[in-house]
Amino acid sequence: MFKFYKNRKKFFAISCLLLLIGVLAIIFNGIKLDITFKGGSILKYSFTGQIDLAKAESAISKAIGIDVTCQETHALGSDERNLVINVAGDEALTPDQQIALQQALETTFPDTTFKYGNALMVNPFIGRELFTKGLWAILITSVLIVAYVWFSFRSMSGPSAGVMALVALFHDVVVAFFVFVICRIPINESLVAVVLSILGFSINDTIVIYDRIRENERLTAKKMPLADLVDLSINQSLSRSINTSLCTFGAVTVAYIFSVIYDIPSIQHFALPMMIGLISGAYSSIALAGPLWVMWKTRKGRSGYEGR
């Protein structure tokens, strides 16, 4: 039987290292905001020929000195193809920048004909409102999770179980956010979707382990030390947690591979952080939530259930 509580400091060190890497990534790379939240310009060009979106983004960014994202769209009912260029910023592109942009496209893809379509300005107000509502959704979800765990596991000290579950969830949310930062994925509505999805998967694993702890508490008549009881419960739940996470991870991986093959950035920006979040969720449920709960319960030197 693997001693999770005995090795808790190693797990805590791993988590601290991951968080440190994320913080350093923010310091050195910054946070890349999508046009939805930052505002900016959207330019559309119709074209004939073939283009590489990554090369187009690099060439345009270098020409105008602003980070851009590019998407390829197809008009319904026709073979017309469009290049949609999102330029984040507080001001519209100047005429000189638009000329430099088109020249960059023509130089990078000399065999492709580009025709300017239109340009739109995007107000960041809607994005900020969406982000605010997303944060409220995450906050409300977190509170409801703690309340549910508190009530369902009141026999094993519900408040502490709920708080430790929330700490593990916070760990997973931060890891998912750092994936956006490290991989330079623009922060947009995908972040909210990823976070809410991870909260659901991660708390499910934690509840399974808590349920096993509660059952073993009953079977051992509360005579087994907390650390041993939690280690036993985690080991009994280990294969289920790993198998469930692997199945979900496999499904999301297929979606990610599909999005890479067909160059669908919106799916990529959801699937990649979700894959890492699933791994983090399984890890936090197994290696963090239980040991943290034991530490909470034994902070005054108690090793069993007496004095709850």
C-alpha atoms as a PDB file:
ATOM      1  CA  MET A   1       0.000   0.000   0.000  1.00  0.00           C
ATOM      2  CA  PHE A   2       1.475   3.330  -1.056  1.00  0.00           C
ATOM      3  CA  LYS A   3       1.798   5.853   1.776  1.00  0.00           C
ATOM      4  CA  PHE A   4       0.305   9.032   0.357  1.00  0.00           C
ATOM      5  CA  TYR A   5       0.279  10.889   3.658  1.00  0.00           C
ATOM      6  CA  LYS A   6       3.884  10.004   4.433  1.00  0.00           C
ATOM      7  CA  ASN A   7       4.943  11.317   1.003  1.00  0.00           C
ATOM      8  CA  ARG A   8       2.729  14.402   1.148  1.00  0.00           C
ATOM      9  CA  LYS A   9       5.661  16.819   1.214  1.00  0.00           C
ATOM     10  CA  LYS A  10       6.892  15.453  -2.110  1.00  0.00           C
ATOM     11  CA  PHE A  11       3.471  16.036  -3.651  1.00  0.00           C
ATOM     12  CA  PHE A  12       3.300  19.517  -2.165  1.00  0.00           C
ATOM     13  CA  ALA A  13       6.748  20.253  -3.610  1.00  0.00           C
ATOM     14  CA  ILE A  14       5.592  19.136  -7.075  1.00  0.00           C
ATOM     15  CA  SER A  15       2.571  21.432  -6.854  1.00  0.00           C
ATOM     16  CA  CYS A  16       4.683  24.347  -5.657  1.00  0.00           C
ATOM     17  CA  LEU A  17       7.106  23.782  -8.546  1.00  0.00           C
ATOM     18  CA  LEU A  18       4.241  23.813 -11.066  1.00  0.00           C
ATOM     19  CA  LEU A  19       2.850  27.002  -9.577  1.00  0.00           C
ATOM     20  CA  LEU A  20       6.299  28.611  -9.611  1.00  0.00           C
ATOM     21  CA  ILE A  21       6.715  27.770 -13.302  1.00  0.00           C
ATOM     22  CA  GLY A  22       3.334  29.363 -13.999  1.00  0.00           C
ATOM     23  CA  VAL A  23       4.181  32.525 -12.066  1.00  0.00           C
ATOM     24  CA  LEU A  24       7.511  32.842 -13.897  1.00  0.00           C
ATOM     25  CA  ALA A  25       5.698  32.394 -17.216  1.00  0.00           C
ATOM     26  CA  ILE A  26       3.401  35.302 -16.325  1.00  0.00           C
ATOM     27  CA  ILE A  27       6.350  37.476 -15.319  1.00  0.00           C
ATOM     28  CA  PHE A  28       8.387  36.809 -18.464  1.00  0.00           C
ATOM     29  CA  ASN A  29       5.676  36.170 -21.093  1.00  0.00           C
ATOM     30  CA  GLY A  30       2.707  38.080 -19.720  1.00  0.00           C
ATOM     31  CA  ILE A  31      -0.926  37.140 -20.190  1.00  0.00           C
ATOM     32  CA  LYS A  32      -2.232  37.089 -23.738  1.00  0.00           C
ATOM     33  CA  LEU A  33      -5.796  38.406 -23.946  1.00  0.00           C
ATOM     34  CA  ASP A  34      -8.112  37.505 -26.778  1.00  0.00           C
ATOM     35  CA  ILE A  35      -9.691  40.265 -28.814  1.00  0.00           C
ATOM     36  CA  THR A  36     -12.970  39.503 -27.026  1.00  0.00           C
ATOM     37  CA  PHE A  37     -11.556  40.839 -23.758  1.00  0.00           C
ATOM     38  CA  LYS A  38      -9.012  43.344 -25.029  1.00  0.00           C
ATOM     39  CA  GLY A  39     -10.900  44.823 -27.958  1.00  0.00           C
ATOM     40  CA  GLY A  40      -9.343  45.576 -31.320  1.00  0.00           C
ATOM     41  CA  SER A  41      -9.883  45.126 -35.041  1.00  0.00           C
ATOM     42  CA  ILE A  42     -11.172  42.259 -37.148  1.00  0.00           C
ATOM     43  CA  LEU A  43     -10.121  42.301 -40.804  1.00  0.00           C
ATOM     44  CA  LYS A  44     -11.421  39.967 -43.468  1.00  0.00           C
ATOM     45  CA  TYR A  45      -9.686  39.060 -46.723  1.00  0.00           C
ATOM     46  CA  SER A  46     -11.005  36.697 -49.368  1.00  0.00           C
ATOM     47  CA  PHE A  47      -8.321  34.672 -51.114  1.00  0.00           C
ATOM     48  CA  THR A  48      -7.648  31.985 -53.672  1.00  0.00           C
ATOM     49  CA  GLY A  49      -4.831  29.527 -53.084  1.00  0.00           C
ATOM     50  CA  GLN A  50      -3.311  27.970 -50.016  1.00  0.00           C
ATOM     51  CA  ILE A  51      -2.099  29.619 -46.810  1.00  0.00           C
ATOM     52  CA  ASP A  52      -0.487  28.499 -43.575  1.00  0.00           C
ATOM     53  CA  LEU A  53      -2.180  30.237 -40.651  1.00  0.00           C
ATOM     54  CA  ALA A  54       0.893  30.042 -38.413  1.00  0.00           C
ATOM     55  CA  LYS A  55       3.074  31.677 -41.092  1.00  0.00           C
ATOM     56  CA  ALA A  56       0.401  34.307 -41.707  1.00  0.00           C
ATOM     57  CA  GLU A  57       0.234  35.193 -38.003  1.00  0.00           C
ATOM     58  CA  SER A  58       4.014  35.438 -37.737  1.00  0.00           C
ATOM     59  CA  ALA A  59       4.379  37.585 -40.866  1.00  0.00           C
ATOM     60  CA  ILE A  60       1.563  39.976 -39.939  1.00  0.00           C
ATOM     61  CA  SER A  61       2.706  40.355 -36.322  1.00  0.00           C
ATOM     62  CA  LYS A  62       6.205  41.197 -37.491  1.00  0.00           C
ATOM     63  CA  ALA A  63       4.936  43.692 -40.085  1.00  0.00           C
ATOM     64  CA  ILE A  64       2.629  45.707 -37.822  1.00  0.00           C
ATOM     65  CA  GLY A  65       4.285  45.068 -34.448  1.00  0.00           C
ATOM     66  CA  ILE A  66       1.126  43.649 -32.832  1.00  0.00           C
ATOM     67  CA  ASP A  67       0.227  40.054 -31.996  1.00  0.00           C
ATOM     68  CA  VAL A  68      -2.568  38.718 -34.189  1.00  0.00           C
ATOM     69  CA  THR A  69      -4.557  35.521 -34.573  1.00  0.00           C
ATOM     70  CA  CYS A  70      -5.787  34.239 -37.914  1.00  0.00           C
ATOM     71  CA  GLN A  71      -8.683  31.981 -38.847  1.00  0.00           C
ATOM     72  CA  GLU A  72      -9.776  30.525 -42.144  1.00  0.00           C
ATOM     73  CA  THR A  73     -13.506  30.469 -42.890  1.00  0.00           C
ATOM     74  CA  HIS A  74     -15.606  29.176 -45.754  1.00  0.00           C
ATOM     75  CA  ALA A  75     -18.746  30.844 -47.062  1.00  0.00           C
ATOM     76  CA  LEU A  76     -21.846  28.656 -47.031  1.00  0.00           C
ATOM     77  CA  GLY A  77     -23.116  27.708 -50.468  1.00  0.00           C
ATOM     78  CA  SER A  78     -19.925  28.707 -52.296  1.00  0.00           C
ATOM     79  CA  ASP A  79     -16.231  27.896 -52.541  1.00  0.00           C
ATOM     80  CA  GLU A  80     -15.155  31.322 -51.309  1.00  0.00           C
ATOM     81  CA  ARG A  81     -12.502  31.210 -48.595  1.00  0.00           C
ATOM     82  CA  ASN A  82     -11.761  34.011 -46.170  1.00  0.00           C
ATOM     83  CA  LEU A  83      -8.871  34.901 -43.914  1.00  0.00           C
ATOM     84  CA  VAL A  84     -10.096  36.525 -40.710  1.00  0.00           C
ATOM     85  CA  ILE A  85      -7.399  38.459 -38.833  1.00  0.00           C
ATOM     86  CA  ASN A  86      -7.974  39.420 -35.196  1.00  0.00           C
ATOM     87  CA  VAL A  87      -5.785  42.303 -34.037  1.00  0.00           C
ATOM     88  CA  ALA A  88      -6.061  42.992 -30.316  1.00  0.00           C
ATOM     89  CA  GLY A  89      -5.653  46.596 -29.194  1.00  0.00           C
ATOM     90  CA  ASP A  90      -7.419  49.719 -28.051  1.00  0.00           C
ATOM     91  CA  GLU A  91      -7.242  51.511 -31.408  1.00  0.00           C
ATOM     92  CA  ALA A  92      -8.012  50.691 -35.019  1.00  0.00           C
ATOM     93  CA  LEU A  93      -5.172  49.956 -37.402  1.00  0.00           C
ATOM     94  CA  THR A  94      -3.775  52.968 -39.207  1.00  0.00           C
ATOM     95  CA  PRO A  95      -3.777  53.066 -43.037  1.00  0.00           C
ATOM     96  CA  ASP A  96      -0.022  52.430 -43.018  1.00  0.00           C
ATOM     97  CA  GLN A  97      -0.474  49.362 -40.818  1.00  0.00           C
ATOM     98  CA  GLN A  98      -3.196  48.000 -43.089  1.00  0.00           C
ATOM     99  CA  ILE A  99      -0.919  48.466 -46.107  1.00  0.00           C
ATOM    100  CA  ALA A 100       1.941  46.741 -44.259  1.00  0.00           C
ATOM    101  CA  LEU A 101      -0.418  43.911 -43.297  1.00  0.00           C
ATOM    102  CA  GLN A 102      -1.505  43.226 -46.864  1.00  0.00           C
ATOM    103  CA  GLN A 103       2.058  43.489 -48.155  1.00  0.00           C
ATOM    104  CA  ALA A 104       3.149  40.943 -45.559  1.00  0.00           C
ATOM    105  CA  LEU A 105       0.469  38.542 -46.770  1.00  0.00           C
ATOM    106  CA  GLU A 106       1.384  39.003 -50.435  1.00  0.00           C
ATOM    107  CA  THR A 107       5.095  38.598 -49.716  1.00  0.00           C
ATOM    108  CA  THR A 108       4.628  35.504 -47.564  1.00  0.00           C
ATOM    109  CA  PHE A 109       2.197  33.847 -49.988  1.00  0.00           C
ATOM    110  CA  PRO A 110       3.171  35.077 -53.485  1.00  0.00           C
ATOM    111  CA  ASP A 111       1.040  32.443 -55.230  1.00  0.00           C
ATOM    112  CA  THR A 112      -2.102  33.475 -53.342  1.00  0.00           C
ATOM    113  CA  THR A 113      -4.385  36.337 -54.341  1.00  0.00           C
ATOM    114  CA  PHE A 114      -5.841  38.372 -51.470  1.00  0.00           C
ATOM    115  CA  LYS A 115      -8.798  40.733 -51.735  1.00  0.00           C
ATOM    116  CA  TYR A 116      -9.660  43.095 -48.906  1.00  0.00           C
ATOM    117  CA  GLY A 117     -13.180  42.589 -47.575  1.00  0.00           C
ATOM    118  CA  ASN A 118     -13.999  44.686 -44.535  1.00  0.00           C
ATOM    119  CA  ALA A 119     -12.802  45.709 -41.082  1.00  0.00           C
ATOM    120  CA  LEU A 120     -14.640  45.949 -37.783  1.00  0.00           C
ATOM    121  CA  MET A 121     -13.797  47.417 -34.395  1.00  0.00           C
ATOM    122  CA  VAL A 122     -14.557  45.255 -31.348  1.00  0.00           C
ATOM    123  CA  ASN A 123     -15.491  46.883 -28.044  1.00  0.00           C
ATOM    124  CA  PRO A 124     -13.995  45.029 -25.053  1.00  0.00           C
ATOM    125  CA  PHE A 125     -17.051  45.829 -22.907  1.00  0.00           C
ATOM    126  CA  ILE A 126     -18.891  42.656 -23.925  1.00  0.00           C
ATOM    127  CA  GLY A 127     -15.807  40.566 -23.239  1.00  0.00           C
ATOM    128  CA  ARG A 128     -15.350  42.063 -19.791  1.00  0.00           C
ATOM    129  CA  GLU A 129     -18.992  41.437 -18.995  1.00  0.00           C
ATOM    130  CA  LEU A 130     -18.667  37.819 -20.155  1.00  0.00           C
ATOM    131  CA  PHE A 131     -15.508  37.365 -18.106  1.00  0.00           C
ATOM    132  CA  THR A 132     -17.167  38.845 -15.008  1.00  0.00           C
ATOM    133  CA  LYS A 133     -20.169  36.555 -15.347  1.00  0.00           C
ATOM    134  CA  GLY A 134     -17.813  33.624 -15.876  1.00  0.00           C
ATOM    135  CA  LEU A 135     -15.995  34.436 -12.632  1.00  0.00           C
ATOM    136  CA  TRP A 136     -19.317  34.617 -10.830  1.00  0.00           C
ATOM    137  CA  ALA A 137     -20.259  31.229 -12.265  1.00  0.00           C
ATOM    138  CA  ILE A 138     -16.979  29.754 -11.014  1.00  0.00           C
ATOM    139  CA  LEU A 139     -17.437  31.349  -7.568  1.00  0.00           C
ATOM    140  CA  ILE A 140     -21.021  30.126  -7.199  1.00  0.00           C
ATOM    141  CA  THR A 141     -20.029  26.650  -8.373  1.00  0.00           C
ATOM    142  CA  SER A 142     -17.218  26.537  -5.810  1.00  0.00           C
ATOM    143  CA  VAL A 143     -19.524  27.601  -2.971  1.00  0.00           C
ATOM    144  CA  LEU A 144     -22.112  24.997  -3.928  1.00  0.00           C
ATOM    145  CA  ILE A 145     -19.431  22.299  -4.084  1.00  0.00           C
ATOM    146  CA  VAL A 146     -18.208  23.140  -0.581  1.00  0.00           C
ATOM    147  CA  ALA A 147     -21.793  23.173   0.718  1.00  0.00           C
ATOM    148  CA  TYR A 148     -22.514  19.802  -0.891  1.00  0.00           C
ATOM    149  CA  VAL A 149     -19.358  18.171   0.480  1.00  0.00           C
ATOM    150  CA  TRP A 150     -19.973  19.779   3.874  1.00  0.00           C
ATOM    151  CA  PHE A 151     -23.461  18.278   4.096  1.00  0.00           C
ATOM    152  CA  SER A 152     -22.750  14.901   2.474  1.00  0.00           C
ATOM    153  CA  PHE A 153     -19.668  14.172   4.570  1.00  0.00           C
ATOM    154  CA  ARG A 154     -20.709  15.767   7.841  1.00  0.00           C
ATOM    155  CA  SER A 155     -19.974  12.458   9.616  1.00  0.00           C
ATOM    156  CA  MET A 156     -16.256  12.924   8.830  1.00  0.00           C
ATOM    157  CA  SER A 157     -16.180  16.636   9.683  1.00  0.00           C
ATOM    158  CA  GLY A 158     -17.870  18.174   6.664  1.00  0.00           C
ATOM    159  CA  PRO A 159     -16.436  21.723   6.895  1.00  0.00           C
ATOM    160  CA  SER A 160     -12.822  20.559   6.763  1.00  0.00           C
ATOM    161  CA  ALA A 161     -13.592  18.063   3.988  1.00  0.00           C
ATOM    162  CA  GLY A 162     -15.285  20.783   1.954  1.00  0.00           C
ATOM    163  CA  VAL A 163     -12.476  23.293   2.448  1.00  0.00           C
ATOM    164  CA  MET A 164      -9.769  20.783   1.482  1.00  0.00           C
ATOM    165  CA  ALA A 165     -11.752  19.780  -1.599  1.00  0.00           C
ATOM    166  CA  LEU A 166     -11.919  23.467  -2.540  1.00  0.00           C
ATOM    167  CA  VAL A 167      -8.142  23.829  -2.074  1.00  0.00           C
ATOM    168  CA  ALA A 168      -7.593  20.910  -4.460  1.00  0.00           C
ATOM    169  CA  LEU A 169      -9.999  22.475  -6.951  1.00  0.00           C
ATOM    170  CA  PHE A 170      -8.221  25.822  -6.701  1.00  0.00           C
ATOM    171  CA  HIS A 171      -4.962  24.008  -7.481  1.00  0.00           C
ATOM    172  CA  ASP A 172      -6.511  22.559 -10.662  1.00  0.00           C
ATOM    173  CA  VAL A 173      -7.981  25.884 -11.769  1.00  0.00           C
ATOM    174  CA  VAL A 174      -4.628  27.638 -11.353  1.00  0.00           C
ATOM    175  CA  VAL A 175      -2.818  24.885 -13.282  1.00  0.00           C
ATOM    176  CA  ALA A 176      -5.321  25.190 -16.147  1.00  0.00           C
ATOM    177  CA  PHE A 177      -4.863  28.965 -16.187  1.00  0.00           C
ATOM    178  CA  PHE A 178      -1.085  28.560 -16.329  1.00  0.00           C
ATOM    179  CA  VAL A 179      -1.475  26.270 -19.356  1.00  0.00           C
ATOM    180  CA  PHE A 180      -3.101  29.196 -21.177  1.00  0.00           C
ATOM    181  CA  VAL A 181      -0.220  31.447 -20.141  1.00  0.00           C
ATOM    182  CA  ILE A 182       2.645  29.049 -20.919  1.00  0.00           C
ATOM    183  CA  CYS A 183       1.221  27.922 -24.272  1.00  0.00           C
ATOM    184  CA  ARG A 184       0.374  31.530 -25.218  1.00  0.00           C
ATOM    185  CA  ILE A 185      -3.293  30.672 -25.687  1.00  0.00           C
ATOM    186  CA  PRO A 186      -5.369  33.878 -25.716  1.00  0.00           C
ATOM    187  CA  ILE A 187      -7.544  34.244 -22.631  1.00  0.00           C
ATOM    188  CA  ASN A 188     -11.142  34.060 -23.818  1.00  0.00           C
ATOM    189  CA  GLU A 189     -14.407  32.284 -23.041  1.00  0.00           C
ATOM    190  CA  SER A 190     -12.608  28.938 -23.435  1.00  0.00           C
ATOM    191  CA  LEU A 191     -10.926  29.539 -20.059  1.00  0.00           C
ATOM    192  CA  VAL A 192     -14.297  29.704 -18.298  1.00  0.00           C
ATOM    193  CA  ALA A 193     -15.488  26.548 -20.082  1.00  0.00           C
ATOM    194  CA  VAL A 194     -12.284  24.688 -19.171  1.00  0.00           C
ATOM    195  CA  VAL A 195     -12.416  25.754 -15.524  1.00  0.00           C
ATOM    196  CA  LEU A 196     -16.062  24.751 -15.053  1.00  0.00           C
ATOM    197  CA  SER A 197     -15.427  21.390 -16.744  1.00  0.00           C
ATOM    198  CA  ILE A 198     -12.372  20.686 -14.594  1.00  0.00           C
ATOM    199  CA  LEU A 199     -14.277  21.591 -11.422  1.00  0.00           C
ATOM    200  CA  GLY A 200     -16.836  18.906 -12.250  1.00  0.00           C
ATOM    201  CA  PHE A 201     -14.322  16.169 -13.069  1.00  0.00           C
ATOM    202  CA  SER A 202     -11.988  16.936 -10.165  1.00  0.00           C
ATOM    203  CA  ILE A 203     -14.654  17.100  -7.459  1.00  0.00           C
ATOM    204  CA  ASN A 204     -16.061  13.796  -8.707  1.00  0.00           C
ATOM    205  CA  ASP A 205     -12.730  12.072  -8.019  1.00  0.00           C
ATOM    206  CA  THR A 206     -12.441  13.742  -4.627  1.00  0.00           C
ATOM    207  CA  ILE A 207     -15.959  12.702  -3.614  1.00  0.00           C
ATOM    208  CA  VAL A 208     -15.208   9.084  -4.542  1.00  0.00           C
ATOM    209  CA  ILE A 209     -12.206   9.102  -2.196  1.00  0.00           C
ATOM    210  CA  TYR A 210     -14.147  10.859   0.561  1.00  0.00           C
ATOM    211  CA  ASP A 211     -16.905   8.287   0.234  1.00  0.00           C
ATOM    212  CA  ARG A 212     -14.379   5.493   0.638  1.00  0.00           C
ATOM    213  CA  ILE A 213     -12.940   7.235   3.716  1.00  0.00           C
ATOM    214  CA  ARG A 214     -16.416   7.459   5.232  1.00  0.00           C
ATOM    215  CA  GLU A 215     -17.113   3.795   4.531  1.00  0.00           C
ATOM    216  CA  ASN A 216     -13.774   2.649   5.970  1.00  0.00           C
ATOM    217  CA  GLU A 217     -14.413   4.808   9.006  1.00  0.00           C
ATOM    218  CA  ARG A 218     -17.581   2.833   9.610  1.00  0.00           C
ATOM    219  CA  LEU A 219     -15.938  -0.547   8.943  1.00  0.00           C
ATOM    220  CA  THR A 220     -12.998   0.117  11.269  1.00  0.00           C
ATOM    221  CA  ALA A 221     -15.219   1.545  13.998  1.00  0.00           C
ATOM    222  CA  LYS A 222     -13.091   4.717  13.969  1.00  0.00           C
ATOM    223  CA  LYS A 223     -10.113   2.888  15.493  1.00  0.00           C
ATOM    224  CA  MET A 224      -7.649   3.254  12.618  1.00  0.00           C
ATOM    225  CA  PRO A 225      -5.354   6.315  12.670  1.00  0.00           C
ATOM    226  CA  LEU A 226      -6.398   9.026  10.237  1.00  0.00           C
ATOM    227  CA  ALA A 227      -3.269   8.807   8.074  1.00  0.00           C
ATOM    228  CA  ASP A 228      -3.579   5.028   7.639  1.00  0.00           C
ATOM    229  CA  LEU A 229      -7.307   5.284   6.978  1.00  0.00           C
ATOM    230  CA  VAL A 230      -6.834   7.885   4.243  1.00  0.00           C
ATOM    231  CA  ASP A 231      -3.965   5.957   2.660  1.00  0.00           C
ATOM    232  CA  LEU A 232      -6.112   2.808   2.600  1.00  0.00           C
ATOM    233  CA  SER A 233      -9.056   4.672   1.085  1.00  0.00           C
ATOM    234  CA  ILE A 234      -6.958   6.353  -1.624  1.00  0.00           C
ATOM    235  CA  ASN A 235      -5.328   3.056  -2.592  1.00  0.00           C
ATOM    236  CA  GLN A 236      -8.737   1.382  -2.830  1.00  0.00           C
ATOM    237  CA  SER A 237     -10.012   4.179  -5.097  1.00  0.00           C
ATOM    238  CA  LEU A 238      -6.815   4.558  -7.102  1.00  0.00           C
ATOM    239  CA  SER A 239      -7.596   2.316 -10.074  1.00  0.00           C
ATOM    240  CA  ARG A 240     -11.076   3.789 -10.499  1.00  0.00           C
ATOM    241  CA  SER A 241      -9.823   7.367 -10.417  1.00  0.00           C
ATOM    242  CA  ILE A 242      -7.006   6.692 -12.870  1.00  0.00           C
ATOM    243  CA  ASN A 243      -9.166   4.694 -15.278  1.00  0.00           C
ATOM    244  CA  THR A 244     -11.922   7.314 -15.295  1.00  0.00           C
ATOM    245  CA  SER A 245      -9.434  10.111 -15.912  1.00  0.00           C
ATOM    246  CA  LEU A 246      -7.653   8.154 -18.650  1.00  0.00           C
ATOM    247  CA  CYS A 247     -10.912   7.490 -20.508  1.00  0.00           C
ATOM    248  CA  THR A 248     -11.855  11.165 -20.416  1.00  0.00           C
ATOM    249  CA  PHE A 249      -8.299  12.191 -21.274  1.00  0.00           C
ATOM    250  CA  GLY A 250      -8.385   9.875 -24.306  1.00  0.00           C
ATOM    251  CA  ALA A 251     -11.629  11.384 -25.588  1.00  0.00           C
ATOM    252  CA  VAL A 252     -10.317  14.943 -25.219  1.00  0.00           C
ATOM    253  CA  THR A 253      -7.029  13.926 -26.855  1.00  0.00           C
ATOM    254  CA  VAL A 254      -8.909  12.657 -29.906  1.00  0.00           C
ATOM    255  CA  ALA A 255     -10.687  16.017 -30.125  1.00  0.00           C
ATOM    256  CA  TYR A 256      -7.355  17.820 -29.860  1.00  0.00           C
ATOM    257  CA  ILE A 257      -5.735  15.705 -32.584  1.00  0.00           C
ATOM    258  CA  PHE A 258      -8.758  16.286 -34.810  1.00  0.00           C
ATOM    259  CA  SER A 259      -8.508  20.056 -34.245  1.00  0.00           C
ATOM    260  CA  VAL A 260      -4.798  20.037 -35.092  1.00  0.00           C
ATOM    261  CA  ILE A 261      -5.313  18.047 -38.288  1.00  0.00           C
ATOM    262  CA  TYR A 262      -8.123  20.309 -39.480  1.00  0.00           C
ATOM    263  CA  ASP A 263      -6.632  23.469 -37.939  1.00  0.00           C
ATOM    264  CA  ILE A 264      -9.515  24.443 -35.646  1.00  0.00           C
ATOM    265  CA  PRO A 265      -7.998  26.801 -33.042  1.00  0.00           C
ATOM    266  CA  SER A 266     -11.157  27.105 -30.939  1.00  0.00           C
ATOM    267  CA  ILE A 267     -11.125  23.374 -30.171  1.00  0.00           C
ATOM    268  CA  GLN A 268      -7.359  23.381 -29.627  1.00  0.00           C
ATOM    269  CA  HIS A 269      -7.659  26.217 -27.114  1.00  0.00           C
ATOM    270  CA  PHE A 270     -10.207  24.183 -25.144  1.00  0.00           C
ATOM    271  CA  ALA A 271      -8.810  20.669 -25.499  1.00  0.00           C
ATOM    272  CA  LEU A 272      -5.156  21.261 -24.586  1.00  0.00           C
ATOM    273  CA  PRO A 273      -5.810  22.985 -21.214  1.00  0.00           C
ATOM    274  CA  MET A 274      -8.557  20.449 -20.558  1.00  0.00           C
ATOM    275  CA  MET A 275      -6.115  17.559 -21.047  1.00  0.00           C
ATOM    276  CA  ILE A 276      -3.670  19.053 -18.554  1.00  0.00           C
ATOM    277  CA  GLY A 277      -6.533  19.926 -16.212  1.00  0.00           C
ATOM    278  CA  LEU A 278      -7.754  16.327 -16.173  1.00  0.00           C
ATOM    279  CA  ILE A 279      -4.302  15.133 -15.167  1.00  0.00           C
ATOM    280  CA  SER A 280      -4.107  17.828 -12.498  1.00  0.00           C
ATOM    281  CA  GLY A 281      -7.602  16.966 -11.247  1.00  0.00           C
ATOM    282  CA  ALA A 282      -6.757  13.303 -10.786  1.00  0.00           C
ATOM    283  CA  TYR A 283      -3.448  14.224  -9.138  1.00  0.00           C
ATOM    284  CA  SER A 284      -4.977  16.720  -6.689  1.00  0.00           C
ATOM    285  CA  SER A 285      -7.798  14.366  -5.700  1.00  0.00           C
ATOM    286  CA  ILE A 286      -5.407  11.498  -5.052  1.00  0.00           C
ATOM    287  CA  ALA A 287      -2.303  13.218  -3.698  1.00  0.00           C
ATOM    288  CA  LEU A 288      -3.521  16.484  -2.169  1.00  0.00           C
ATOM    289  CA  ALA A 289      -7.109  16.450  -0.902  1.00  0.00           C
ATOM    290  CA  GLY A 290      -6.784  13.459   1.446  1.00  0.00           C
ATOM    291  CA  PRO A 291      -3.395  14.352   2.980  1.00  0.00           C
ATOM    292  CA  LEU A 292      -4.485  17.972   3.413  1.00  0.00           C
ATOM    293  CA  TRP A 293      -7.600  16.829   5.257  1.00  0.00           C
ATOM    294  CA  VAL A 294      -5.503  14.649   7.577  1.00  0.00           C
ATOM    295  CA  MET A 295      -3.218  17.605   8.281  1.00  0.00           C
ATOM    296  CA  TRP A 296      -6.260  19.746   9.109  1.00  0.00           C
ATOM    297  CA  LYS A 297      -7.616  17.106  11.499  1.00  0.00           C
ATOM    298  CA  THR A 298      -4.289  16.391  13.174  1.00  0.00           C
ATOM    299  CA  ARG A 299      -3.032  19.974  13.449  1.00  0.00           C
ATOM    300  CA  LYS A 300      -3.255  19.707  17.273  1.00  0.00           C
ATOM    301  CA  GLY A 301      -1.544  16.345  17.471  1.00  0.00           C
ATOM    302  CA  ARG A 302      -4.587  14.098  17.150  1.00  0.00           C
ATOM    303  CA  SER A 303      -3.937  10.858  15.257  1.00  0.00           C
ATOM    304  CA  GLY A 304      -7.391   9.343  15.405  1.00  0.00           C
ATOM    305  CA  TYR A 305     -11.026  10.370  15.440  1.00  0.00           C
ATOM    306  CA  GLU A 306     -11.373  11.247  19.063  1.00  0.00           C
ATOM    307  CA  GLY A 307     -12.359  14.791  19.916  1.00  0.00           C
ATOM    308  CA  ARG A 308     -14.030  15.530  16.589  1.00  0.00           C
END
